[in-house]
Amino acid sequence: MADEAARLPVSPYDVFRRELTIKGSFAQCFSFDRAVRALRYGRVRAEGLITHRFPLASYAQAVETVRNDRTCVKAVVQL
């Protein structure tokens, strides 16, 4: 997130030369609880999304896996 008045200096030449694409995104700040309920009650099918599971004691390994393992789609840390 950035302040509404924030500006980003962009070099049009670099965008052209490096073939950059600039995209914005929108965050749903109040949708997390609804998403968890939808998953919990089976309204959303999530089979195949979770590729790795870790116990809480292996949190550091989970973070490393998310960062470096290209086969990791979604990692879950379980209590």
C-alpha atoms as a PDB file:
ATOM      1  CA  MET A   1       0.000   0.000   0.000  1.00  0.00           C
ATOM      2  CA  ALA A   2       1.065   3.526  -0.600  1.00  0.00           C
ATOM      3  CA  ASP A   3      -0.246   6.923   0.342  1.00  0.00           C
ATOM      4  CA  GLU A   4      -2.739   8.381  -2.133  1.00  0.00           C
ATOM      5  CA  ALA A   5      -0.332  11.238  -2.910  1.00  0.00           C
ATOM      6  CA  ALA A   6       2.681   8.959  -3.500  1.00  0.00           C
ATOM      7  CA  ARG A   7       4.221   9.015  -6.958  1.00  0.00           C
ATOM      8  CA  LEU A   8       6.537   6.566  -8.696  1.00  0.00           C
ATOM      9  CA  PRO A   9       9.136   7.911 -11.113  1.00  0.00           C
ATOM     10  CA  VAL A  10       9.251   5.606 -14.119  1.00  0.00           C
ATOM     11  CA  SER A  11      11.580   5.818 -17.073  1.00  0.00           C
ATOM     12  CA  PRO A  12       9.557   5.146 -20.239  1.00  0.00           C
ATOM     13  CA  TYR A  13      12.796   4.144 -21.964  1.00  0.00           C
ATOM     14  CA  ASP A  14      13.502   1.442 -19.340  1.00  0.00           C
ATOM     15  CA  VAL A  15       9.942   0.155 -19.689  1.00  0.00           C
ATOM     16  CA  PHE A  16      10.498  -0.146 -23.445  1.00  0.00           C
ATOM     17  CA  ARG A  17      14.087  -1.456 -23.337  1.00  0.00           C
ATOM     18  CA  ARG A  18      13.486  -4.055 -20.611  1.00  0.00           C
ATOM     19  CA  GLU A  19       9.972  -4.927 -21.871  1.00  0.00           C
ATOM     20  CA  LEU A  20       8.508  -4.226 -18.427  1.00  0.00           C
ATOM     21  CA  THR A  21       4.856  -4.576 -17.536  1.00  0.00           C
ATOM     22  CA  ILE A  22       3.506  -2.456 -14.705  1.00  0.00           C
ATOM     23  CA  LYS A  23       0.354  -3.698 -13.008  1.00  0.00           C
ATOM     24  CA  GLY A  24      -1.594  -2.565 -10.004  1.00  0.00           C
ATOM     25  CA  SER A  25      -3.577  -4.727  -7.638  1.00  0.00           C
ATOM     26  CA  PHE A  26      -6.500  -4.347  -5.284  1.00  0.00           C
ATOM     27  CA  ALA A  27      -6.696  -5.841  -1.801  1.00  0.00           C
ATOM     28  CA  GLN A  28      -9.895  -7.080  -0.212  1.00  0.00           C
ATOM     29  CA  CYS A  29      -9.117  -6.033   3.356  1.00  0.00           C
ATOM     30  CA  PHE A  30     -12.176  -7.640   4.959  1.00  0.00           C
ATOM     31  CA  SER A  31     -12.513 -10.875   2.987  1.00  0.00           C
ATOM     32  CA  PHE A  32     -10.167 -13.183   4.934  1.00  0.00           C
ATOM     33  CA  ASP A  33     -12.816 -14.431   7.388  1.00  0.00           C
ATOM     34  CA  ARG A  34     -15.271 -15.117   4.552  1.00  0.00           C
ATOM     35  CA  ALA A  35     -12.591 -16.988   2.599  1.00  0.00           C
ATOM     36  CA  VAL A  36     -11.724 -19.180   5.599  1.00  0.00           C
ATOM     37  CA  ARG A  37     -15.431 -19.987   6.141  1.00  0.00           C
ATOM     38  CA  ALA A  38     -15.855 -20.888   2.471  1.00  0.00           C
ATOM     39  CA  LEU A  39     -12.904 -23.273   2.699  1.00  0.00           C
ATOM     40  CA  ARG A  40     -14.029 -24.734   6.038  1.00  0.00           C
ATOM     41  CA  TYR A  41     -17.557 -25.511   4.841  1.00  0.00           C
ATOM     42  CA  GLY A  42     -16.536 -26.846   1.440  1.00  0.00           C
ATOM     43  CA  ARG A  43     -17.997 -24.049  -0.655  1.00  0.00           C
ATOM     44  CA  VAL A  44     -14.582 -23.679  -2.306  1.00  0.00           C
ATOM     45  CA  ARG A  45     -12.697 -26.716  -3.546  1.00  0.00           C
ATOM     46  CA  ALA A  46      -9.036 -26.423  -2.620  1.00  0.00           C
ATOM     47  CA  GLU A  47      -7.750 -29.871  -3.579  1.00  0.00           C
ATOM     48  CA  GLY A  48      -4.349 -29.588  -5.169  1.00  0.00           C
ATOM     49  CA  LEU A  49      -3.618 -26.070  -3.960  1.00  0.00           C
ATOM     50  CA  ILE A  50      -1.746 -27.185  -0.843  1.00  0.00           C
ATOM     51  CA  THR A  51       1.465 -28.817  -1.979  1.00  0.00           C
ATOM     52  CA  HIS A  52       3.434 -28.767   1.290  1.00  0.00           C
ATOM     53  CA  ARG A  53       2.538 -29.140   4.991  1.00  0.00           C
ATOM     54  CA  PHE A  54       4.809 -28.359   7.937  1.00  0.00           C
ATOM     55  CA  PRO A  55       4.457 -28.631  11.711  1.00  0.00           C
ATOM     56  CA  LEU A  56       4.854 -25.356  13.612  1.00  0.00           C
ATOM     57  CA  ALA A  57       8.311 -26.462  14.776  1.00  0.00           C
ATOM     58  CA  SER A  58       9.428 -26.466  11.107  1.00  0.00           C
ATOM     59  CA  TYR A  59       8.297 -22.917  10.369  1.00  0.00           C
ATOM     60  CA  ALA A  60      11.759 -21.847   9.145  1.00  0.00           C
ATOM     61  CA  GLN A  61      11.832 -24.777   6.720  1.00  0.00           C
ATOM     62  CA  ALA A  62       8.353 -23.810   5.480  1.00  0.00           C
ATOM     63  CA  VAL A  63       9.479 -20.253   4.751  1.00  0.00           C
ATOM     64  CA  GLU A  64      12.584 -21.538   2.968  1.00  0.00           C
ATOM     65  CA  THR A  65      10.474 -23.919   0.883  1.00  0.00           C
ATOM     66  CA  VAL A  66       8.055 -21.183  -0.170  1.00  0.00           C
ATOM     67  CA  ARG A  67      10.997 -18.960  -1.066  1.00  0.00           C
ATOM     68  CA  ASN A  68      13.072 -21.474  -3.051  1.00  0.00           C
ATOM     69  CA  ASP A  69      11.068 -24.545  -4.079  1.00  0.00           C
ATOM     70  CA  ARG A  70       9.471 -23.960  -7.474  1.00  0.00           C
ATOM     71  CA  THR A  71       7.103 -26.892  -6.916  1.00  0.00           C
ATOM     72  CA  CYS A  72       5.557 -25.190  -3.873  1.00  0.00           C
ATOM     73  CA  VAL A  73       2.146 -23.717  -4.698  1.00  0.00           C
ATOM     74  CA  LYS A  74       0.831 -23.333  -1.152  1.00  0.00           C
ATOM     75  CA  ALA A  75       2.508 -24.310   2.110  1.00  0.00           C
ATOM     76  CA  VAL A  76       0.527 -24.809   5.318  1.00  0.00           C
ATOM     77  CA  VAL A  77       1.998 -24.542   8.803  1.00  0.00           C
ATOM     78  CA  GLN A  78      -0.083 -26.658  11.163  1.00  0.00           C
ATOM     79  CA  LEU A  79      -0.342 -26.386  14.939  1.00  0.00           C
END
